[in-house]
Amino acid sequence: MLEYAKTILEKVSFDRRLFEKELSKALINLVKEEVQVLRAWCYEKFGQVYAVVLDRCFSRLQASI
């Protein structure tokens, strides 16, 4: 699921709303260890463009745990 999520996020990275929607879906479907890997990958790959979106999605996840 992790590699699938990465592929989808790369494909939708042109659109902020779509990126956020797909990231939120991915976070629901991944186990905790995969979420940590995805988080690091997302900030490395998309941190310059979508830092606000990443902060929002990952903080939402932390709040629900």
PDB file of N, CA and C in Angstrom:
ATOM      1  N   MET A   1       0.822  -1.209   0.000  1.00  0.00           N
ATOM      2  CA  MET A   1       0.000   0.000   0.000  1.00  0.00           C
ATOM      3  C   MET A   1       0.860   1.264   0.000  1.00  0.00           C
ATOM      4  N   LEU A   2       2.009   1.200   0.636  1.00  0.00           N
ATOM      5  CA  LEU A   2       2.872   2.373   0.714  1.00  0.00           C
ATOM      6  C   LEU A   2       3.339   2.806  -0.674  1.00  0.00           C
ATOM      7  N   GLU A   3       3.814   1.876  -1.460  1.00  0.00           N
ATOM      8  CA  GLU A   3       4.290   2.213  -2.802  1.00  0.00           C
ATOM      9  C   GLU A   3       3.147   2.709  -3.682  1.00  0.00           C
ATOM     10  N   TYR A   4       1.982   2.122  -3.509  1.00  0.00           N
ATOM     11  CA  TYR A   4       0.802   2.570  -4.245  1.00  0.00           C
ATOM     12  C   TYR A   4       0.472   4.019  -3.880  1.00  0.00           C
ATOM     13  N   ALA A   5       0.507   4.334  -2.606  1.00  0.00           N
ATOM     14  CA  ALA A   5       0.213   5.691  -2.144  1.00  0.00           C
ATOM     15  C   ALA A   5       1.216   6.690  -2.732  1.00  0.00           C
ATOM     16  N   LYS A   6       2.477   6.322  -2.757  1.00  0.00           N
ATOM     17  CA  LYS A   6       3.501   7.195  -3.331  1.00  0.00           C
ATOM     18  C   LYS A   6       3.228   7.455  -4.812  1.00  0.00           C
ATOM     19  N   THR A   7       2.874   6.406  -5.522  1.00  0.00           N
ATOM     20  CA  THR A   7       2.583   6.539  -6.951  1.00  0.00           C
ATOM     21  C   THR A   7       1.413   7.488  -7.190  1.00  0.00           C
ATOM     22  N   ILE A   8       0.360   7.299  -6.425  1.00  0.00           N
ATOM     23  CA  ILE A   8      -0.826   8.151  -6.571  1.00  0.00           C
ATOM     24  C   ILE A   8      -0.484   9.600  -6.243  1.00  0.00           C
ATOM     25  N   LEU A   9       0.234   9.819  -5.160  1.00  0.00           N
ATOM     26  CA  LEU A   9       0.574  11.185  -4.766  1.00  0.00           C
ATOM     27  C   LEU A   9       1.431  11.878  -5.829  1.00  0.00           C
ATOM     28  N   GLU A  10       2.343  11.145  -6.433  1.00  0.00           N
ATOM     29  CA  GLU A  10       3.138  11.734  -7.505  1.00  0.00           C
ATOM     30  C   GLU A  10       2.262  12.122  -8.693  1.00  0.00           C
ATOM     31  N   LYS A  11       1.284  11.286  -8.999  1.00  0.00           N
ATOM     32  CA  LYS A  11       0.420  11.545 -10.155  1.00  0.00           C
ATOM     33  C   LYS A  11      -0.536  12.712  -9.939  1.00  0.00           C
ATOM     34  N   VAL A  12      -0.937  12.960  -8.696  1.00  0.00           N
ATOM     35  CA  VAL A  12      -1.897  14.036  -8.433  1.00  0.00           C
ATOM     36  C   VAL A  12      -1.227  15.285  -7.874  1.00  0.00           C
ATOM     37  N   SER A  13       0.074  15.323  -7.844  1.00  0.00           N
ATOM     38  CA  SER A  13       0.785  16.430  -7.214  1.00  0.00           C
ATOM     39  C   SER A  13       0.599  17.768  -7.941  1.00  0.00           C
ATOM     40  N   PHE A  14       0.003  17.750  -9.104  1.00  0.00           N
ATOM     41  CA  PHE A  14      -0.258  18.993  -9.843  1.00  0.00           C
ATOM     42  C   PHE A  14      -1.416  19.785  -9.253  1.00  0.00           C
ATOM     43  N   ASP A  15      -2.248  19.150  -8.422  1.00  0.00           N
ATOM     44  CA  ASP A  15      -3.455  19.787  -7.889  1.00  0.00           C
ATOM     45  C   ASP A  15      -3.471  19.667  -6.366  1.00  0.00           C
ATOM     46  N   ARG A  16      -3.455  20.812  -5.678  1.00  0.00           N
ATOM     47  CA  ARG A  16      -3.378  20.822  -4.220  1.00  0.00           C
ATOM     48  C   ARG A  16      -4.530  20.077  -3.551  1.00  0.00           C
ATOM     49  N   ARG A  17      -5.757  20.317  -3.989  1.00  0.00           N
ATOM     50  CA  ARG A  17      -6.924  19.669  -3.358  1.00  0.00           C
ATOM     51  C   ARG A  17      -6.912  18.170  -3.574  1.00  0.00           C
ATOM     52  N   LEU A  18      -6.593  17.750  -4.762  1.00  0.00           N
ATOM     53  CA  LEU A  18      -6.526  16.328  -5.069  1.00  0.00           C
ATOM     54  C   LEU A  18      -5.391  15.662  -4.284  1.00  0.00           C
ATOM     55  N   PHE A  19      -4.266  16.349  -4.180  1.00  0.00           N
ATOM     56  CA  PHE A  19      -3.137  15.836  -3.414  1.00  0.00           C
ATOM     57  C   PHE A  19      -3.536  15.625  -1.956  1.00  0.00           C
ATOM     58  N   GLU A  20      -4.198  16.612  -1.380  1.00  0.00           N
ATOM     59  CA  GLU A  20      -4.609  16.507   0.023  1.00  0.00           C
ATOM     60  C   GLU A  20      -5.631  15.377   0.220  1.00  0.00           C
ATOM     61  N   LYS A  21      -6.554  15.256  -0.703  1.00  0.00           N
ATOM     62  CA  LYS A  21      -7.564  14.197  -0.619  1.00  0.00           C
ATOM     63  C   LYS A  21      -6.905  12.822  -0.670  1.00  0.00           C
ATOM     64  N   GLU A  22      -5.987  12.624  -1.594  1.00  0.00           N
ATOM     65  CA  GLU A  22      -5.329  11.329  -1.733  1.00  0.00           C
ATOM     66  C   GLU A  22      -4.401  11.036  -0.557  1.00  0.00           C
ATOM     67  N   LEU A  23      -3.752  12.053  -0.038  1.00  0.00           N
ATOM     68  CA  LEU A  23      -2.900  11.865   1.134  1.00  0.00           C
ATOM     69  C   LEU A  23      -3.739  11.449   2.336  1.00  0.00           C
ATOM     70  N   SER A  24      -4.871  12.087   2.522  1.00  0.00           N
ATOM     71  CA  SER A  24      -5.758  11.724   3.636  1.00  0.00           C
ATOM     72  C   SER A  24      -6.234  10.287   3.518  1.00  0.00           C
ATOM     73  N   LYS A  25      -6.580   9.865   2.309  1.00  0.00           N
ATOM     74  CA  LYS A  25      -7.010   8.481   2.096  1.00  0.00           C
ATOM     75  C   LYS A  25      -5.867   7.505   2.382  1.00  0.00           C
ATOM     76  N   ALA A  26      -4.676   7.867   1.953  1.00  0.00           N
ATOM     77  CA  ALA A  26      -3.522   6.993   2.173  1.00  0.00           C
ATOM     78  C   ALA A  26      -3.254   6.825   3.668  1.00  0.00           C
ATOM     79  N   LEU A  27      -3.381   7.890   4.422  1.00  0.00           N
ATOM     80  CA  LEU A  27      -3.099   7.827   5.853  1.00  0.00           C
ATOM     81  C   LEU A  27      -4.077   6.919   6.592  1.00  0.00           C
ATOM     82  N   ILE A  28      -5.269   6.800   6.090  1.00  0.00           N
ATOM     83  CA  ILE A  28      -6.265   5.913   6.693  1.00  0.00           C
ATOM     84  C   ILE A  28      -5.905   4.452   6.456  1.00  0.00           C
ATOM     85  N   ASN A  29      -5.335   4.169   5.285  1.00  0.00           N
ATOM     86  CA  ASN A  29      -5.097   2.788   4.874  1.00  0.00           C
ATOM     87  C   ASN A  29      -3.730   2.219   5.240  1.00  0.00           C
ATOM     88  N   LEU A  30      -2.845   3.042   5.761  1.00  0.00           N
ATOM     89  CA  LEU A  30      -1.501   2.569   6.071  1.00  0.00           C
ATOM     90  C   LEU A  30      -1.351   2.253   7.554  1.00  0.00           C
ATOM     91  N   VAL A  31      -0.454   1.331   7.851  1.00  0.00           N
ATOM     92  CA  VAL A  31      -0.133   1.046   9.252  1.00  0.00           C
ATOM     93  C   VAL A  31       0.855   2.090   9.753  1.00  0.00           C
ATOM     94  N   LYS A  32       1.020   2.177  11.049  1.00  0.00           N
ATOM     95  CA  LYS A  32       1.796   3.236  11.683  1.00  0.00           C
ATOM     96  C   LYS A  32       3.214   3.365  11.107  1.00  0.00           C
ATOM     97  N   GLU A  33       3.890   2.263  10.913  1.00  0.00           N
ATOM     98  CA  GLU A  33       5.258   2.288  10.401  1.00  0.00           C
ATOM     99  C   GLU A  33       5.300   2.860   8.977  1.00  0.00           C
ATOM    100  N   GLU A  34       4.313   2.496   8.180  1.00  0.00           N
ATOM    101  CA  GLU A  34       4.242   2.999   6.808  1.00  0.00           C
ATOM    102  C   GLU A  34       3.948   4.492   6.792  1.00  0.00           C
ATOM    103  N   VAL A  35       3.137   4.949   7.727  1.00  0.00           N
ATOM    104  CA  VAL A  35       2.811   6.376   7.814  1.00  0.00           C
ATOM    105  C   VAL A  35       4.078   7.181   8.081  1.00  0.00           C
ATOM    106  N   GLN A  36       4.933   6.677   8.957  1.00  0.00           N
ATOM    107  CA  GLN A  36       6.182   7.383   9.263  1.00  0.00           C
ATOM    108  C   GLN A  36       7.078   7.473   8.031  1.00  0.00           C
ATOM    109  N   VAL A  37       7.145   6.393   7.267  1.00  0.00           N
ATOM    110  CA  VAL A  37       7.945   6.386   6.037  1.00  0.00           C
ATOM    111  C   VAL A  37       7.338   7.349   5.021  1.00  0.00           C
ATOM    112  N   LEU A  38       6.017   7.310   4.882  1.00  0.00           N
ATOM    113  CA  LEU A  38       5.334   8.198   3.942  1.00  0.00           C
ATOM    114  C   LEU A  38       5.531   9.658   4.333  1.00  0.00           C
ATOM    115  N   ARG A  39       5.473   9.940   5.617  1.00  0.00           N
ATOM    116  CA  ARG A  39       5.649  11.309   6.109  1.00  0.00           C
ATOM    117  C   ARG A  39       7.020  11.845   5.695  1.00  0.00           C
ATOM    118  N   ALA A  40       8.059  11.076   5.949  1.00  0.00           N
ATOM    119  CA  ALA A  40       9.415  11.501   5.588  1.00  0.00           C
ATOM    120  C   ALA A  40       9.536  11.697   4.074  1.00  0.00           C
ATOM    121  N   TRP A  41       8.986  10.782   3.325  1.00  0.00           N
ATOM    122  CA  TRP A  41       9.045  10.851   1.859  1.00  0.00           C
ATOM    123  C   TRP A  41       8.297  12.085   1.342  1.00  0.00           C
ATOM    124  N   CYS A  42       7.114  12.327   1.881  1.00  0.00           N
ATOM    125  CA  CYS A  42       6.303  13.474   1.443  1.00  0.00           C
ATOM    126  C   CYS A  42       7.014  14.792   1.711  1.00  0.00           C
ATOM    127  N   TYR A  43       7.574  14.951   2.909  1.00  0.00           N
ATOM    128  CA  TYR A  43       8.258  16.203   3.222  1.00  0.00           C
ATOM    129  C   TYR A  43       9.499  16.383   2.359  1.00  0.00           C
ATOM    130  N   GLU A  44      10.180  15.290   2.051  1.00  0.00           N
ATOM    131  CA  GLU A  44      11.354  15.380   1.194  1.00  0.00           C
ATOM    132  C   GLU A  44      10.968  15.746  -0.236  1.00  0.00           C
ATOM    133  N   LYS A  45       9.925  15.099  -0.743  1.00  0.00           N
ATOM    134  CA  LYS A  45       9.546  15.247  -2.146  1.00  0.00           C
ATOM    135  C   LYS A  45       8.659  16.477  -2.404  1.00  0.00           C
ATOM    136  N   PHE A  46       7.736  16.762  -1.494  1.00  0.00           N
ATOM    137  CA  PHE A  46       6.739  17.810  -1.729  1.00  0.00           C
ATOM    138  C   PHE A  46       6.754  18.935  -0.689  1.00  0.00           C
ATOM    139  N   GLY A  47       7.689  18.897   0.230  1.00  0.00           N
ATOM    140  CA  GLY A  47       7.728  19.870   1.316  1.00  0.00           C
ATOM    141  C   GLY A  47       7.813  21.313   0.868  1.00  0.00           C
ATOM    142  N   GLN A  48       8.514  21.563  -0.215  1.00  0.00           N
ATOM    143  CA  GLN A  48       8.651  22.932  -0.716  1.00  0.00           C
ATOM    144  C   GLN A  48       7.335  23.488  -1.243  1.00  0.00           C
ATOM    145  N   VAL A  49       6.526  22.625  -1.831  1.00  0.00           N
ATOM    146  CA  VAL A  49       5.289  23.068  -2.480  1.00  0.00           C
ATOM    147  C   VAL A  49       4.080  22.936  -1.561  1.00  0.00           C
ATOM    148  N   TYR A  50       3.992  21.821  -0.838  1.00  0.00           N
ATOM    149  CA  TYR A  50       2.786  21.502  -0.076  1.00  0.00           C
ATOM    150  C   TYR A  50       3.024  21.392   1.428  1.00  0.00           C
ATOM    151  N   ALA A  51       3.918  22.188   1.973  1.00  0.00           N
ATOM    152  CA  ALA A  51       4.216  22.110   3.403  1.00  0.00           C
ATOM    153  C   ALA A  51       2.961  22.302   4.260  1.00  0.00           C
ATOM    154  N   VAL A  52       2.120  23.238   3.881  1.00  0.00           N
ATOM    155  CA  VAL A  52       0.899  23.518   4.654  1.00  0.00           C
ATOM    156  C   VAL A  52      -0.041  22.317   4.605  1.00  0.00           C
ATOM    157  N   VAL A  53      -0.198  21.729   3.450  1.00  0.00           N
ATOM    158  CA  VAL A  53      -1.066  20.561   3.289  1.00  0.00           C
ATOM    159  C   VAL A  53      -0.515  19.392   4.106  1.00  0.00           C
ATOM    160  N   LEU A  54       0.775  19.173   4.019  1.00  0.00           N
ATOM    161  CA  LEU A  54       1.401  18.076   4.759  1.00  0.00           C
ATOM    162  C   LEU A  54       1.241  18.282   6.264  1.00  0.00           C
ATOM    163  N   ASP A  55       1.496  19.493   6.717  1.00  0.00           N
ATOM    164  CA  ASP A  55       1.329  19.787   8.151  1.00  0.00           C
ATOM    165  C   ASP A  55      -0.096  19.503   8.599  1.00  0.00           C
ATOM    166  N   ARG A  56      -1.052  19.938   7.794  1.00  0.00           N
ATOM    167  CA  ARG A  56      -2.464  19.763   8.153  1.00  0.00           C
ATOM    168  C   ARG A  56      -2.835  18.276   8.210  1.00  0.00           C
ATOM    169  N   CYS A  57      -2.471  17.521   7.198  1.00  0.00           N
ATOM    170  CA  CYS A  57      -2.847  16.100   7.140  1.00  0.00           C
ATOM    171  C   CYS A  57      -2.178  15.285   8.245  1.00  0.00           C
ATOM    172  N   PHE A  58      -0.886  15.515   8.441  1.00  0.00           N
ATOM    173  CA  PHE A  58      -0.184  14.713   9.442  1.00  0.00           C
ATOM    174  C   PHE A  58      -0.541  15.147  10.864  1.00  0.00           C
ATOM    175  N   SER A  59      -0.874  16.408  11.076  1.00  0.00           N
ATOM    176  CA  SER A  59      -1.297  16.832  12.421  1.00  0.00           C
ATOM    177  C   SER A  59      -2.692  16.304  12.727  1.00  0.00           C
ATOM    178  N   ARG A  60      -3.551  16.243  11.706  1.00  0.00           N
ATOM    179  CA  ARG A  60      -4.877  15.654  11.878  1.00  0.00           C
ATOM    180  C   ARG A  60      -4.764  14.199  12.302  1.00  0.00           C
ATOM    181  N   LEU A  61      -3.819  13.520  11.701  1.00  0.00           N
ATOM    182  CA  LEU A  61      -3.589  12.107  12.019  1.00  0.00           C
ATOM    183  C   LEU A  61      -3.116  11.976  13.463  1.00  0.00           C
ATOM    184  N   GLN A  62      -2.197  12.825  13.894  1.00  0.00           N
ATOM    185  CA  GLN A  62      -1.684  12.777  15.263  1.00  0.00           C
ATOM    186  C   GLN A  62      -2.807  13.055  16.262  1.00  0.00           C
ATOM    187  N   ALA A  63      -3.694  13.962  15.922  1.00  0.00           N
ATOM    188  CA  ALA A  63      -4.789  14.307  16.824  1.00  0.00           C
ATOM    189  C   ALA A  63      -5.774  13.148  16.999  1.00  0.00           C
ATOM    190  N   SER A  64      -5.886  12.303  15.978  1.00  0.00           N
ATOM    191  CA  SER A  64      -6.845  11.207  16.056  1.00  0.00           C
ATOM    192  C   SER A  64      -6.269   9.961  16.721  1.00  0.00           C
ATOM    193  N   ILE A  65      -4.957   9.958  16.968  1.00  0.00           N
ATOM    194  CA  ILE A  65      -4.335   8.770  17.582  1.00  0.00           C
ATOM    195  C   ILE A  65      -4.458   8.825  19.082  1.00  0.00           C
TER     196      ILE A  65
END
